[in-house]
Amino acid sequence: MRNRIFWSWVIVAGAAGGAHTQWLNQRVPGTPRLRDGKPNLAAPAPRAPNGKPDLSGIWQAEGAPLEELGKLLPGGTNGLGEDVPSKYFLNILSDFKPEEAPIRPAAAQIFQQHASAMGKESPETHCLPLGVPMGELVPAPFKVLQTPGAIALLYEADTSFRQIYTDGRKHPEDMQPAWMGYSVGTWEGDALVVDAVGFNDRSWLDAFGHTHSDALHVTERFHRRDFGHMDLQVTIDDPKTFTRPFTFKTGLRLLPDTDLIESYCAENEKDVTHLGAR
């Protein structure tokens, strides 16, 4: 399956990008274009009727330089034609030296167990949702649909969705733990700030196997700086798992004139039996 996360000692392969989606070369109305007809990704960011930036479009996390990925995967490569992943998709703590990572000993021990299993225990390997913020970091497209009171994120990687409410509501008082949590958003100038809580403790934060507890609190800041590029800042706060909150920043790139394709992990699944320590 093209959208499975398959990794071993020598290879990490994420999901394929928008070049393989359906409606290839379907011109999207309203897209600013250069004289040759190609999308002008440097054009100003579009605005919604309420004056706020319109984040709608097909987006994907920008890949890290191969030199940085080589430090995370000594001797490893990204192959099979898949897109180069973000370093935070591989390791949410990649900005820290191992001895300086703000992770509690029990959580570090669980991480080592997951790393030794080489992905066999990953929720994605077992066709479960990616969770937050991994859904925006996996090397696969996701679609943003913006309306006046809510923003929907549709993930190609596991054909799942997430809703971010911008209608002024607060988080529910009685939240049932959920894979994608409960998200409310507010605008701070041109940036959408998303406050997400109410998660279960079953998803992973990255492909290497960092986990979280049900106390996870994720704050995301989306800023579309021009038509084809968006900045994403993520703050992870989970006092049961980490010794302090930490923040990282990454970029998202627009995939113009294309769309998502459905992808169901359990359909013709063949990966699990090939994963495991050797």
Foldseek 3Di string as FASTA:
>chain_A
DQAFFAFDLAETEHHAEQCPFPQFQAADPPFDADPVRHGDFFAAFDADPVGAGDPWAKKAFDADPVVLVCVVRVNYDYDPNHDHFHVCQAPVQSVDDPVPFQWDPVLVVQLVVLLQFRQLLAVSLVLHDQEPPNQRGTGYIWGWDDDPFWIKIAGQSARDIDIEGANPDDDDPDAAADRHAYWYWYDDDNKIKIKGARHDFRHASHRSGRTAHNGWIKIWIWHSRRNFKIKIKIWIAGVVTGVGIDIDITMMTGDGSGDHDHDHCVVVPDRSVVTGHD
